[in-house]
Amino acid sequence: MAVEIPEFRIQNSTAMDAFGKIAIISASDLDEDPDNIQHALEMIQSYRDAISTSSSSLSGLRDNVAEVPRMTKAFNRARKRTVAIMDDLLVQFRSAANQAADVEGLLNRMIESPNDRAQ
């Protein structure tokens, strides 16, 4: 999992950046269907909900792993490393949720002020 976390960060950042850019480009199209923007908003909200649920579950698992009693030296090292990896993933989940919230805010502004979309 430690190898996949940086890839998740890169892919999520790329996706959110692209999503934001697409929203900005489509904002200049005065004929943009508000239903398309609403659908995109619902998708981002669903993504953020999934991140929140996953983060909550992972946090609980992380706490349980951290509370496992000390055993052998190898087990203790593995437990400590596992907790550190989960902590890193939780940080990436928070970052992903924040990026999604930024895109969500942009989409909400587009829905609330359709006359300002061309700006």
PDB file of N, CA and C in Angstrom:
ATOM      1  N   MET A   1       0.827  -1.193   0.000  1.00  0.00           N
ATOM      2  CA  MET A   1       0.000   0.000   0.000  1.00  0.00           C
ATOM      3  C   MET A   1       0.874   1.261   0.000  1.00  0.00           C
ATOM      4  N   ALA A   2       2.027   1.204   0.608  1.00  0.00           N
ATOM      5  CA  ALA A   2       2.903   2.376   0.675  1.00  0.00           C
ATOM      6  C   ALA A   2       3.285   2.859  -0.723  1.00  0.00           C
ATOM      7  N   VAL A   3       3.423   1.938  -1.650  1.00  0.00           N
ATOM      8  CA  VAL A   3       3.789   2.293  -3.021  1.00  0.00           C
ATOM      9  C   VAL A   3       2.623   2.964  -3.745  1.00  0.00           C
ATOM     10  N   GLU A   4       1.418   2.598  -3.415  1.00  0.00           N
ATOM     11  CA  GLU A   4       0.237   3.109  -4.102  1.00  0.00           C
ATOM     12  C   GLU A   4      -0.203   4.494  -3.618  1.00  0.00           C
ATOM     13  N   ILE A   5       0.160   4.884  -2.424  1.00  0.00           N
ATOM     14  CA  ILE A   5      -0.295   6.175  -1.879  1.00  0.00           C
ATOM     15  C   ILE A   5       0.196   7.351  -2.723  1.00  0.00           C
ATOM     16  N   PRO A   6       1.490   7.410  -3.081  1.00  0.00           N
ATOM     17  CA  PRO A   6       1.918   8.529  -3.948  1.00  0.00           C
ATOM     18  C   PRO A   6       1.187   8.538  -5.298  1.00  0.00           C
ATOM     19  N   GLU A   7       0.913   7.347  -5.835  1.00  0.00           N
ATOM     20  CA  GLU A   7       0.179   7.270  -7.097  1.00  0.00           C
ATOM     21  C   GLU A   7      -1.249   7.788  -6.926  1.00  0.00           C
ATOM     22  N   PHE A   8      -1.881   7.447  -5.807  1.00  0.00           N
ATOM     23  CA  PHE A   8      -3.217   7.966  -5.514  1.00  0.00           C
ATOM     24  C   PHE A   8      -3.190   9.494  -5.453  1.00  0.00           C
ATOM     25  N   ARG A   9      -2.193  10.050  -4.764  1.00  0.00           N
ATOM     26  CA  ARG A   9      -2.078  11.501  -4.638  1.00  0.00           C
ATOM     27  C   ARG A   9      -1.947  12.146  -6.010  1.00  0.00           C
ATOM     28  N   ILE A  10      -1.085  11.595  -6.840  1.00  0.00           N
ATOM     29  CA  ILE A  10      -0.858  12.144  -8.182  1.00  0.00           C
ATOM     30  C   ILE A  10      -2.135  12.055  -9.023  1.00  0.00           C
ATOM     31  N   GLN A  11      -2.756  10.897  -9.045  1.00  0.00           N
ATOM     32  CA  GLN A  11      -3.946  10.701  -9.869  1.00  0.00           C
ATOM     33  C   GLN A  11      -5.112  11.560  -9.385  1.00  0.00           C
ATOM     34  N   ASN A  12      -5.281  11.662  -8.079  1.00  0.00           N
ATOM     35  CA  ASN A  12      -6.364  12.498  -7.548  1.00  0.00           C
ATOM     36  C   ASN A  12      -6.129  13.963  -7.885  1.00  0.00           C
ATOM     37  N   SER A  13      -4.905  14.437  -7.703  1.00  0.00           N
ATOM     38  CA  SER A  13      -4.598  15.833  -8.029  1.00  0.00           C
ATOM     39  C   SER A  13      -4.825  16.115  -9.508  1.00  0.00           C
ATOM     40  N   THR A  14      -4.390  15.196 -10.343  1.00  0.00           N
ATOM     41  CA  THR A  14      -4.584  15.349 -11.790  1.00  0.00           C
ATOM     42  C   THR A  14      -6.069  15.397 -12.129  1.00  0.00           C
ATOM     43  N   ALA A  15      -6.836  14.496 -11.543  1.00  0.00           N
ATOM     44  CA  ALA A  15      -8.272  14.449 -11.822  1.00  0.00           C
ATOM     45  C   ALA A  15      -8.982  15.716 -11.345  1.00  0.00           C
ATOM     46  N   MET A  16      -8.684  16.173 -10.149  1.00  0.00           N
ATOM     47  CA  MET A  16      -9.351  17.364  -9.621  1.00  0.00           C
ATOM     48  C   MET A  16      -8.939  18.615 -10.388  1.00  0.00           C
ATOM     49  N   ASP A  17      -7.660  18.705 -10.754  1.00  0.00           N
ATOM     50  CA  ASP A  17      -7.209  19.840 -11.576  1.00  0.00           C
ATOM     51  C   ASP A  17      -7.936  19.846 -12.916  1.00  0.00           C
ATOM     52  N   ALA A  18      -8.004  18.673 -13.541  1.00  0.00           N
ATOM     53  CA  ALA A  18      -8.690  18.571 -14.840  1.00  0.00           C
ATOM     54  C   ALA A  18     -10.166  18.896 -14.698  1.00  0.00           C
ATOM     55  N   PHE A  19     -10.773  18.396 -13.637  1.00  0.00           N
ATOM     56  CA  PHE A  19     -12.197  18.656 -13.411  1.00  0.00           C
ATOM     57  C   PHE A  19     -12.436  20.158 -13.260  1.00  0.00           C
ATOM     58  N   GLY A  20     -11.590  20.817 -12.486  1.00  0.00           N
ATOM     59  CA  GLY A  20     -11.719  22.266 -12.309  1.00  0.00           C
ATOM     60  C   GLY A  20     -11.542  23.019 -13.611  1.00  0.00           C
ATOM     61  N   LYS A  21     -10.557  22.605 -14.406  1.00  0.00           N
ATOM     62  CA  LYS A  21     -10.313  23.265 -15.688  1.00  0.00           C
ATOM     63  C   LYS A  21     -11.487  23.065 -16.647  1.00  0.00           C
ATOM     64  N   ILE A  22     -12.015  21.860 -16.661  1.00  0.00           N
ATOM     65  CA  ILE A  22     -13.175  21.591 -17.523  1.00  0.00           C
ATOM     66  C   ILE A  22     -14.363  22.449 -17.091  1.00  0.00           C
ATOM     67  N   ALA A  23     -14.554  22.575 -15.778  1.00  0.00           N
ATOM     68  CA  ALA A  23     -15.654  23.405 -15.277  1.00  0.00           C
ATOM     69  C   ALA A  23     -15.471  24.853 -15.702  1.00  0.00           C
ATOM     70  N   ILE A  24     -14.255  25.344 -15.616  1.00  0.00           N
ATOM     71  CA  ILE A  24     -13.979  26.734 -15.996  1.00  0.00           C
ATOM     72  C   ILE A  24     -14.201  26.927 -17.503  1.00  0.00           C
ATOM     73  N   ILE A  25     -13.720  25.980 -18.290  1.00  0.00           N
ATOM     74  CA  ILE A  25     -13.901  26.077 -19.738  1.00  0.00           C
ATOM     75  C   ILE A  25     -15.384  26.018 -20.091  1.00  0.00           C
ATOM     76  N   SER A  26     -16.109  25.110 -19.470  1.00  0.00           N
ATOM     77  CA  SER A  26     -17.534  25.007 -19.785  1.00  0.00           C
ATOM     78  C   SER A  26     -18.306  26.214 -19.268  1.00  0.00           C
ATOM     79  N   ALA A  27     -17.758  26.898 -18.272  1.00  0.00           N
ATOM     80  CA  ALA A  27     -18.422  28.097 -17.754  1.00  0.00           C
ATOM     81  C   ALA A  27     -18.458  29.195 -18.808  1.00  0.00           C
ATOM     82  N   SER A  28     -17.486  29.186 -19.699  1.00  0.00           N
ATOM     83  CA  SER A  28     -17.472  30.213 -20.749  1.00  0.00           C
ATOM     84  C   SER A  28     -18.495  29.919 -21.848  1.00  0.00           C
ATOM     85  N   ASP A  29     -19.025  28.708 -21.853  1.00  0.00           N
ATOM     86  CA  ASP A  29     -20.052  28.325 -22.829  1.00  0.00           C
ATOM     87  C   ASP A  29     -21.417  28.695 -22.254  1.00  0.00           C
ATOM     88  N   LEU A  30     -21.977  29.784 -22.734  1.00  0.00           N
ATOM     89  CA  LEU A  30     -23.237  30.272 -22.181  1.00  0.00           C
ATOM     90  C   LEU A  30     -24.391  29.303 -22.385  1.00  0.00           C
ATOM     91  N   ASP A  31     -24.233  28.370 -23.321  1.00  0.00           N
ATOM     92  CA  ASP A  31     -25.285  27.403 -23.576  1.00  0.00           C
ATOM     93  C   ASP A  31     -25.133  26.140 -22.731  1.00  0.00           C
ATOM     94  N   GLU A  32     -24.207  26.155 -21.790  1.00  0.00           N
ATOM     95  CA  GLU A  32     -23.976  24.973 -20.941  1.00  0.00           C
ATOM     96  C   GLU A  32     -25.263  24.601 -20.224  1.00  0.00           C
ATOM     97  N   ASP A  33     -25.618  23.360 -20.332  1.00  0.00           N
ATOM     98  CA  ASP A  33     -26.833  22.839 -19.709  1.00  0.00           C
ATOM     99  C   ASP A  33     -26.640  22.790 -18.194  1.00  0.00           C
ATOM    100  N   PRO A  34     -27.480  23.498 -17.433  1.00  0.00           N
ATOM    101  CA  PRO A  34     -27.350  23.480 -15.971  1.00  0.00           C
ATOM    102  C   PRO A  34     -27.471  22.078 -15.390  1.00  0.00           C
ATOM    103  N   ASP A  35     -28.174  21.189 -16.092  1.00  0.00           N
ATOM    104  CA  ASP A  35     -28.287  19.809 -15.624  1.00  0.00           C
ATOM    105  C   ASP A  35     -26.929  19.106 -15.660  1.00  0.00           C
ATOM    106  N   ASN A  36     -26.093  19.448 -16.645  1.00  0.00           N
ATOM    107  CA  ASN A  36     -24.746  18.871 -16.711  1.00  0.00           C
ATOM    108  C   ASN A  36     -23.911  19.316 -15.514  1.00  0.00           C
ATOM    109  N   ILE A  37     -24.023  20.580 -15.179  1.00  0.00           N
ATOM    110  CA  ILE A  37     -23.285  21.099 -14.021  1.00  0.00           C
ATOM    111  C   ILE A  37     -23.799  20.445 -12.750  1.00  0.00           C
ATOM    112  N   GLN A  38     -25.114  20.311 -12.637  1.00  0.00           N
ATOM    113  CA  GLN A  38     -25.696  19.666 -11.457  1.00  0.00           C
ATOM    114  C   GLN A  38     -25.242  18.216 -11.352  1.00  0.00           C
ATOM    115  N   HIS A  39     -25.202  17.526 -12.477  1.00  0.00           N
ATOM    116  CA  HIS A  39     -24.745  16.132 -12.473  1.00  0.00           C
ATOM    117  C   HIS A  39     -23.276  16.050 -12.036  1.00  0.00           C
ATOM    118  N   ALA A  40     -22.452  16.942 -12.543  1.00  0.00           N
ATOM    119  CA  ALA A  40     -21.039  16.970 -12.145  1.00  0.00           C
ATOM    120  C   ALA A  40     -20.916  17.249 -10.648  1.00  0.00           C
ATOM    121  N   LEU A  41     -21.739  18.164 -10.150  1.00  0.00           N
ATOM    122  CA  LEU A  41     -21.731  18.477  -8.718  1.00  0.00           C
ATOM    123  C   LEU A  41     -22.101  17.245  -7.898  1.00  0.00           C
ATOM    124  N   GLU A  42     -23.121  16.527  -8.344  1.00  0.00           N
ATOM    125  CA  GLU A  42     -23.540  15.312  -7.624  1.00  0.00           C
ATOM    126  C   GLU A  42     -22.443  14.258  -7.631  1.00  0.00           C
ATOM    127  N   MET A  43     -21.710  14.151  -8.733  1.00  0.00           N
ATOM    128  CA  MET A  43     -20.604  13.185  -8.814  1.00  0.00           C
ATOM    129  C   MET A  43     -19.487  13.559  -7.843  1.00  0.00           C
ATOM    130  N   ILE A  44     -19.150  14.840  -7.771  1.00  0.00           N
ATOM    131  CA  ILE A  44     -18.102  15.285  -6.846  1.00  0.00           C
ATOM    132  C   ILE A  44     -18.561  15.075  -5.407  1.00  0.00           C
ATOM    133  N   GLN A  45     -19.811  15.361  -5.117  1.00  0.00           N
ATOM    134  CA  GLN A  45     -20.324  15.145  -3.757  1.00  0.00           C
ATOM    135  C   GLN A  45     -20.288  13.666  -3.398  1.00  0.00           C
ATOM    136  N   SER A  46     -20.624  12.817  -4.340  1.00  0.00           N
ATOM    137  CA  SER A  46     -20.571  11.369  -4.122  1.00  0.00           C
ATOM    138  C   SER A  46     -19.138  10.923  -3.866  1.00  0.00           C
ATOM    139  N   TYR A  47     -18.209  11.474  -4.613  1.00  0.00           N
ATOM    140  CA  TYR A  47     -16.784  11.165  -4.431  1.00  0.00           C
ATOM    141  C   TYR A  47     -16.323  11.584  -3.035  1.00  0.00           C
ATOM    142  N   ARG A  48     -16.708  12.789  -2.628  1.00  0.00           N
ATOM    143  CA  ARG A  48     -16.327  13.260  -1.292  1.00  0.00           C
ATOM    144  C   ARG A  48     -16.948  12.397  -0.203  1.00  0.00           C
ATOM    145  N   ASP A  49     -18.196  11.983  -0.386  1.00  0.00           N
ATOM    146  CA  ASP A  49     -18.841  11.092   0.578  1.00  0.00           C
ATOM    147  C   ASP A  49     -18.091   9.766   0.683  1.00  0.00           C
ATOM    148  N   ALA A  50     -17.676   9.227  -0.461  1.00  0.00           N
ATOM    149  CA  ALA A  50     -16.931   7.964  -0.467  1.00  0.00           C
ATOM    150  C   ALA A  50     -15.594   8.119   0.251  1.00  0.00           C
ATOM    151  N   ILE A  51     -14.927   9.237   0.016  1.00  0.00           N
ATOM    152  CA  ILE A  51     -13.662   9.491   0.706  1.00  0.00           C
ATOM    153  C   ILE A  51     -13.897   9.590   2.208  1.00  0.00           C
ATOM    154  N   SER A  52     -14.947  10.282   2.595  1.00  0.00           N
ATOM    155  CA  SER A  52     -15.261  10.449   4.021  1.00  0.00           C
ATOM    156  C   SER A  52     -15.544   9.108   4.683  1.00  0.00           C
ATOM    157  N   THR A  53     -16.344   8.277   4.022  1.00  0.00           N
ATOM    158  CA  THR A  53     -16.667   6.956   4.560  1.00  0.00           C
ATOM    159  C   THR A  53     -15.412   6.092   4.661  1.00  0.00           C
ATOM    160  N   SER A  54     -14.602   6.103   3.613  1.00  0.00           N
ATOM    161  CA  SER A  54     -13.363   5.326   3.614  1.00  0.00           C
ATOM    162  C   SER A  54     -12.408   5.820   4.679  1.00  0.00           C
ATOM    163  N   SER A  55     -12.318   7.131   4.816  1.00  0.00           N
ATOM    164  CA  SER A  55     -11.435   7.724   5.809  1.00  0.00           C
ATOM    165  C   SER A  55     -11.853   7.335   7.218  1.00  0.00           C
ATOM    166  N   SER A  56     -13.138   7.364   7.464  1.00  0.00           N
ATOM    167  CA  SER A  56     -13.659   6.994   8.776  1.00  0.00           C
ATOM    168  C   SER A  56     -13.363   5.523   9.093  1.00  0.00           C
ATOM    169  N   SER A  57     -13.596   4.658   8.133  1.00  0.00           N
ATOM    170  CA  SER A  57     -13.322   3.230   8.319  1.00  0.00           C
ATOM    171  C   SER A  57     -11.834   2.978   8.526  1.00  0.00           C
ATOM    172  N   LEU A  58     -11.013   3.626   7.711  1.00  0.00           N
ATOM    173  CA  LEU A  58      -9.566   3.456   7.830  1.00  0.00           C
ATOM    174  C   LEU A  58      -9.063   3.968   9.171  1.00  0.00           C
ATOM    175  N   SER A  59      -9.628   5.072   9.621  1.00  0.00           N
ATOM    176  CA  SER A  59      -9.231   5.632  10.912  1.00  0.00           C
ATOM    177  C   SER A  59      -9.528   4.650  12.049  1.00  0.00           C
ATOM    178  N   GLY A  60     -10.682   4.017  11.986  1.00  0.00           N
ATOM    179  CA  GLY A  60     -11.025   3.020  12.994  1.00  0.00           C
ATOM    180  C   GLY A  60     -10.082   1.828  12.953  1.00  0.00           C
ATOM    181  N   LEU A  61      -9.783   1.351  11.754  1.00  0.00           N
ATOM    182  CA  LEU A  61      -8.843   0.241  11.606  1.00  0.00           C
ATOM    183  C   LEU A  61      -7.464   0.636  12.111  1.00  0.00           C
ATOM    184  N   ARG A  62      -7.030   1.834  11.767  1.00  0.00           N
ATOM    185  CA  ARG A  62      -5.729   2.332  12.214  1.00  0.00           C
ATOM    186  C   ARG A  62      -5.653   2.341  13.735  1.00  0.00           C
ATOM    187  N   ASP A  63      -6.706   2.832  14.379  1.00  0.00           N
ATOM    188  CA  ASP A  63      -6.728   2.868  15.844  1.00  0.00           C
ATOM    189  C   ASP A  63      -6.675   1.465  16.437  1.00  0.00           C
ATOM    190  N   ASN A  64      -7.392   0.531  15.823  1.00  0.00           N
ATOM    191  CA  ASN A  64      -7.368  -0.855  16.309  1.00  0.00           C
ATOM    192  C   ASN A  64      -5.987  -1.480  16.153  1.00  0.00           C
ATOM    193  N   VAL A  65      -5.349  -1.244  15.023  1.00  0.00           N
ATOM    194  CA  VAL A  65      -4.002  -1.788  14.800  1.00  0.00           C
ATOM    195  C   VAL A  65      -3.023  -1.167  15.794  1.00  0.00           C
ATOM    196  N   ALA A  66      -3.148   0.133  16.027  1.00  0.00           N
ATOM    197  CA  ALA A  66      -2.239   0.817  16.950  1.00  0.00           C
ATOM    198  C   ALA A  66      -2.388   0.301  18.380  1.00  0.00           C
ATOM    199  N   GLU A  67      -3.569  -0.188  18.726  1.00  0.00           N
ATOM    200  CA  GLU A  67      -3.829  -0.659  20.089  1.00  0.00           C
ATOM    201  C   GLU A  67      -3.480  -2.129  20.314  1.00  0.00           C
ATOM    202  N   VAL A  68      -3.079  -2.823  19.256  1.00  0.00           N
ATOM    203  CA  VAL A  68      -2.692  -4.230  19.417  1.00  0.00           C
ATOM    204  C   VAL A  68      -1.476  -4.279  20.355  1.00  0.00           C
ATOM    205  N   PRO A  69      -1.523  -5.153  21.336  1.00  0.00           N
ATOM    206  CA  PRO A  69      -0.413  -5.207  22.306  1.00  0.00           C
ATOM    207  C   PRO A  69       0.917  -5.569  21.639  1.00  0.00           C
ATOM    208  N   ARG A  70       1.977  -5.137  22.271  1.00  0.00           N
ATOM    209  CA  ARG A  70       3.324  -5.446  21.794  1.00  0.00           C
ATOM    210  C   ARG A  70       3.541  -6.951  21.855  1.00  0.00           C
ATOM    211  N   MET A  71       4.284  -7.452  20.868  1.00  0.00           N
ATOM    212  CA  MET A  71       4.590  -8.881  20.825  1.00  0.00           C
ATOM    213  C   MET A  71       6.066  -9.046  20.500  1.00  0.00           C
ATOM    214  N   THR A  72       6.340  -9.629  19.364  1.00  0.00           N
ATOM    215  CA  THR A  72       7.741  -9.819  18.977  1.00  0.00           C
ATOM    216  C   THR A  72       8.288  -8.535  18.355  1.00  0.00           C
ATOM    217  N   LYS A  73       9.586  -8.480  18.256  1.00  0.00           N
ATOM    218  CA  LYS A  73      10.238  -7.311  17.672  1.00  0.00           C
ATOM    219  C   LYS A  73       9.779  -7.092  16.224  1.00  0.00           C
ATOM    220  N   ALA A  74       9.732  -8.166  15.445  1.00  0.00           N
ATOM    221  CA  ALA A  74       9.308  -8.061  14.037  1.00  0.00           C
ATOM    222  C   ALA A  74       7.854  -7.621  13.943  1.00  0.00           C
ATOM    223  N   PHE A  75       6.999  -8.166  14.779  1.00  0.00           N
ATOM    224  CA  PHE A  75       5.587  -7.792  14.778  1.00  0.00           C
ATOM    225  C   PHE A  75       5.422  -6.327  15.157  1.00  0.00           C
ATOM    226  N   ASN A  76       6.146  -5.881  16.161  1.00  0.00           N
ATOM    227  CA  ASN A  76       6.047  -4.490  16.609  1.00  0.00           C
ATOM    228  C   ASN A  76       6.468  -3.534  15.500  1.00  0.00           C
ATOM    229  N   ARG A  77       7.545  -3.876  14.777  1.00  0.00           N
ATOM    230  CA  ARG A  77       7.988  -3.040  13.654  1.00  0.00           C
ATOM    231  C   ARG A  77       6.923  -3.008  12.553  1.00  0.00           C
ATOM    232  N   ALA A  78       6.365  -4.168  12.264  1.00  0.00           N
ATOM    233  CA  ALA A  78       5.335  -4.245  11.218  1.00  0.00           C
ATOM    234  C   ALA A  78       4.104  -3.439  11.622  1.00  0.00           C
ATOM    235  N   ARG A  79       3.702  -3.530  12.861  1.00  0.00           N
ATOM    236  CA  ARG A  79       2.539  -2.779  13.359  1.00  0.00           C
ATOM    237  C   ARG A  79       2.799  -1.276  13.253  1.00  0.00           C
ATOM    238  N   LYS A  80       3.987  -0.869  13.667  1.00  0.00           N
ATOM    239  CA  LYS A  80       4.345   0.550  13.613  1.00  0.00           C
ATOM    240  C   LYS A  80       4.359   1.054  12.164  1.00  0.00           C
ATOM    241  N   ARG A  81       4.906   0.246  11.262  1.00  0.00           N
ATOM    242  CA  ARG A  81       4.958   0.619   9.848  1.00  0.00           C
ATOM    243  C   ARG A  81       3.540   0.684   9.255  1.00  0.00           C
ATOM    244  N   THR A  82       2.707  -0.261   9.624  1.00  0.00           N
ATOM    245  CA  THR A  82       1.324  -0.280   9.144  1.00  0.00           C
ATOM    246  C   THR A  82       0.578   0.972   9.584  1.00  0.00           C
ATOM    247  N   VAL A  83       0.745   1.355  10.839  1.00  0.00           N
ATOM    248  CA  VAL A  83       0.094   2.560  11.362  1.00  0.00           C
ATOM    249  C   VAL A  83       0.600   3.793  10.610  1.00  0.00           C
ATOM    250  N   ALA A  84       1.899   3.855  10.346  1.00  0.00           N
ATOM    251  CA  ALA A  84       2.466   4.997   9.624  1.00  0.00           C
ATOM    252  C   ALA A  84       1.909   5.091   8.203  1.00  0.00           C
ATOM    253  N   ILE A  85       1.764   3.960   7.549  1.00  0.00           N
ATOM    254  CA  ILE A  85       1.212   3.947   6.189  1.00  0.00           C
ATOM    255  C   ILE A  85      -0.248   4.389   6.213  1.00  0.00           C
ATOM    256  N   MET A  86      -0.986   3.895   7.190  1.00  0.00           N
ATOM    257  CA  MET A  86      -2.393   4.307   7.302  1.00  0.00           C
ATOM    258  C   MET A  86      -2.496   5.797   7.597  1.00  0.00           C
ATOM    259  N   ASP A  87      -1.598   6.322   8.422  1.00  0.00           N
ATOM    260  CA  ASP A  87      -1.592   7.762   8.695  1.00  0.00           C
ATOM    261  C   ASP A  87      -1.354   8.547   7.410  1.00  0.00           C
ATOM    262  N   ASP A  88      -0.420   8.079   6.597  1.00  0.00           N
ATOM    263  CA  ASP A  88      -0.132   8.740   5.327  1.00  0.00           C
ATOM    264  C   ASP A  88      -1.350   8.702   4.412  1.00  0.00           C
ATOM    265  N   LEU A  89      -2.005   7.565   4.355  1.00  0.00           N
ATOM    266  CA  LEU A  89      -3.199   7.448   3.515  1.00  0.00           C
ATOM    267  C   LEU A  89      -4.314   8.360   4.024  1.00  0.00           C
ATOM    268  N   LEU A  90      -4.462   8.467   5.328  1.00  0.00           N
ATOM    269  CA  LEU A  90      -5.481   9.369   5.891  1.00  0.00           C
ATOM    270  C   LEU A  90      -5.199  10.822   5.514  1.00  0.00           C
ATOM    271  N   VAL A  91      -3.919  11.203   5.511  1.00  0.00           N
ATOM    272  CA  VAL A  91      -3.542  12.558   5.078  1.00  0.00           C
ATOM    273  C   VAL A  91      -3.929  12.758   3.614  1.00  0.00           C
ATOM    274  N   GLN A  92      -3.667  11.746   2.786  1.00  0.00           N
ATOM    275  CA  GLN A  92      -4.022  11.853   1.366  1.00  0.00           C
ATOM    276  C   GLN A  92      -5.528  11.907   1.162  1.00  0.00           C
ATOM    277  N   PHE A  93      -6.274  11.160   1.973  1.00  0.00           N
ATOM    278  CA  PHE A  93      -7.739  11.236   1.899  1.00  0.00           C
ATOM    279  C   PHE A  93      -8.230  12.636   2.254  1.00  0.00           C
ATOM    280  N   ARG A  94      -7.655  13.237   3.292  1.00  0.00           N
ATOM    281  CA  ARG A  94      -8.056  14.603   3.671  1.00  0.00           C
ATOM    282  C   ARG A  94      -7.750  15.584   2.535  1.00  0.00           C
ATOM    283  N   SER A  95      -6.585  15.418   1.948  1.00  0.00           N
ATOM    284  CA  SER A  95      -6.205  16.283   0.828  1.00  0.00           C
ATOM    285  C   SER A  95      -7.157  16.101  -0.351  1.00  0.00           C
ATOM    286  N   ALA A  96      -7.500  14.858  -0.656  1.00  0.00           N
ATOM    287  CA  ALA A  96      -8.430  14.578  -1.750  1.00  0.00           C
ATOM    288  C   ALA A  96      -9.800  15.182  -1.469  1.00  0.00           C
ATOM    289  N   ALA A  97     -10.254  15.072  -0.226  1.00  0.00           N
ATOM    290  CA  ALA A  97     -11.551  15.649   0.149  1.00  0.00           C
ATOM    291  C   ALA A  97     -11.513  17.169   0.020  1.00  0.00           C
ATOM    292  N   ASN A  98     -10.405  17.786   0.397  1.00  0.00           N
ATOM    293  CA  ASN A  98     -10.279  19.243   0.273  1.00  0.00           C
ATOM    294  C   ASN A  98     -10.275  19.673  -1.194  1.00  0.00           C
ATOM    295  N   GLN A  99      -9.576  18.925  -2.035  1.00  0.00           N
ATOM    296  CA  GLN A  99      -9.566  19.248  -3.460  1.00  0.00           C
ATOM    297  C   GLN A  99     -10.957  19.087  -4.061  1.00  0.00           C
ATOM    298  N   ALA A 100     -11.642  18.035  -3.683  1.00  0.00           N
ATOM    299  CA  ALA A 100     -13.001  17.818  -4.177  1.00  0.00           C
ATOM    300  C   ALA A 100     -13.928  18.929  -3.683  1.00  0.00           C
ATOM    301  N   ALA A 101     -13.727  19.383  -2.452  1.00  0.00           N
ATOM    302  CA  ALA A 101     -14.546  20.478  -1.916  1.00  0.00           C
ATOM    303  C   ALA A 101     -14.325  21.763  -2.709  1.00  0.00           C
ATOM    304  N   ASP A 102     -13.086  21.997  -3.138  1.00  0.00           N
ATOM    305  CA  ASP A 102     -12.803  23.177  -3.964  1.00  0.00           C
ATOM    306  C   ASP A 102     -13.558  23.106  -5.291  1.00  0.00           C
ATOM    307  N   VAL A 103     -13.525  21.947  -5.925  1.00  0.00           N
ATOM    308  CA  VAL A 103     -14.248  21.771  -7.193  1.00  0.00           C
ATOM    309  C   VAL A 103     -15.748  21.889  -6.947  1.00  0.00           C
ATOM    310  N   GLU A 104     -16.209  21.318  -5.841  1.00  0.00           N
ATOM    311  CA  GLU A 104     -17.623  21.406  -5.487  1.00  0.00           C
ATOM    312  C   GLU A 104     -18.042  22.868  -5.315  1.00  0.00           C
ATOM    313  N   GLY A 105     -17.206  23.657  -4.660  1.00  0.00           N
ATOM    314  CA  GLY A 105     -17.504  25.084  -4.493  1.00  0.00           C
ATOM    315  C   GLY A 105     -17.583  25.803  -5.828  1.00  0.00           C
ATOM    316  N   LEU A 106     -16.672  25.478  -6.732  1.00  0.00           N
ATOM    317  CA  LEU A 106     -16.685  26.077  -8.064  1.00  0.00           C
ATOM    318  C   LEU A 106     -17.984  25.732  -8.793  1.00  0.00           C
ATOM    319  N   LEU A 107     -18.378  24.476  -8.726  1.00  0.00           N
ATOM    320  CA  LEU A 107     -19.615  24.058  -9.389  1.00  0.00           C
ATOM    321  C   LEU A 107     -20.841  24.710  -8.758  1.00  0.00           C
ATOM    322  N   ASN A 108     -20.845  24.830  -7.446  1.00  0.00           N
ATOM    323  CA  ASN A 108     -21.962  25.505  -6.766  1.00  0.00           C
ATOM    324  C   ASN A 108     -22.067  26.963  -7.209  1.00  0.00           C
ATOM    325  N   ARG A 109     -20.917  27.628  -7.326  1.00  0.00           N
ATOM    326  CA  ARG A 109     -20.936  29.025  -7.782  1.00  0.00           C
ATOM    327  C   ARG A 109     -21.464  29.119  -9.210  1.00  0.00           C
ATOM    328  N   MET A 110     -21.118  28.137 -10.042  1.00  0.00           N
ATOM    329  CA  MET A 110     -21.604  28.135 -11.419  1.00  0.00           C
ATOM    330  C   MET A 110     -23.114  27.957 -11.457  1.00  0.00           C
ATOM    331  N   ILE A 111     -23.648  27.121 -10.587  1.00  0.00           N
ATOM    332  CA  ILE A 111     -25.100  26.888 -10.546  1.00  0.00           C
ATOM    333  C   ILE A 111     -25.829  28.104  -9.994  1.00  0.00           C
ATOM    334  N   GLU A 112     -25.255  28.721  -8.950  1.00  0.00           N
ATOM    335  CA  GLU A 112     -25.914  29.843  -8.282  1.00  0.00           C
ATOM    336  C   GLU A 112     -25.914  31.115  -9.118  1.00  0.00           C
ATOM    337  N   SER A 113     -24.884  31.311  -9.922  1.00  0.00           N
ATOM    338  CA  SER A 113     -24.812  32.551 -10.703  1.00  0.00           C
ATOM    339  C   SER A 113     -24.570  32.243 -12.170  1.00  0.00           C
ATOM    340  N   PRO A 114     -25.589  31.784 -12.872  1.00  0.00           N
ATOM    341  CA  PRO A 114     -25.429  31.422 -14.280  1.00  0.00           C
ATOM    342  C   PRO A 114     -25.027  32.598 -15.154  1.00  0.00           C
ATOM    343  N   ASN A 115     -25.353  33.797 -14.771  1.00  0.00           N
ATOM    344  CA  ASN A 115     -24.979  34.971 -15.572  1.00  0.00           C
ATOM    345  C   ASN A 115     -23.507  35.279 -15.479  1.00  0.00           C
ATOM    346  N   ASP A 116     -22.844  34.793 -14.430  1.00  0.00           N
ATOM    347  CA  ASP A 116     -21.424  35.066 -14.232  1.00  0.00           C
ATOM    348  C   ASP A 116     -20.557  33.984 -14.861  1.00  0.00           C
ATOM    349  N   ARG A 117     -21.124  32.982 -15.496  1.00  0.00           N
ATOM    350  CA  ARG A 117     -20.351  31.859 -16.027  1.00  0.00           C
ATOM    351  C   ARG A 117     -19.384  32.278 -17.125  1.00  0.00           C
ATOM    352  N   ALA A 118     -19.707  33.296 -17.845  1.00  0.00           N
ATOM    353  CA  ALA A 118     -18.850  33.710 -18.954  1.00  0.00           C
ATOM    354  C   ALA A 118     -17.627  34.469 -18.474  1.00  0.00           C
ATOM    355  N   GLN A 119     -17.585  34.829 -17.212  1.00  0.00           N
ATOM    356  CA  GLN A 119     -16.463  35.630 -16.709  1.00  0.00           C
ATOM    357  C   GLN A 119     -15.314  34.777 -16.269  1.00  0.00           C
TER     358      GLN A 119
END
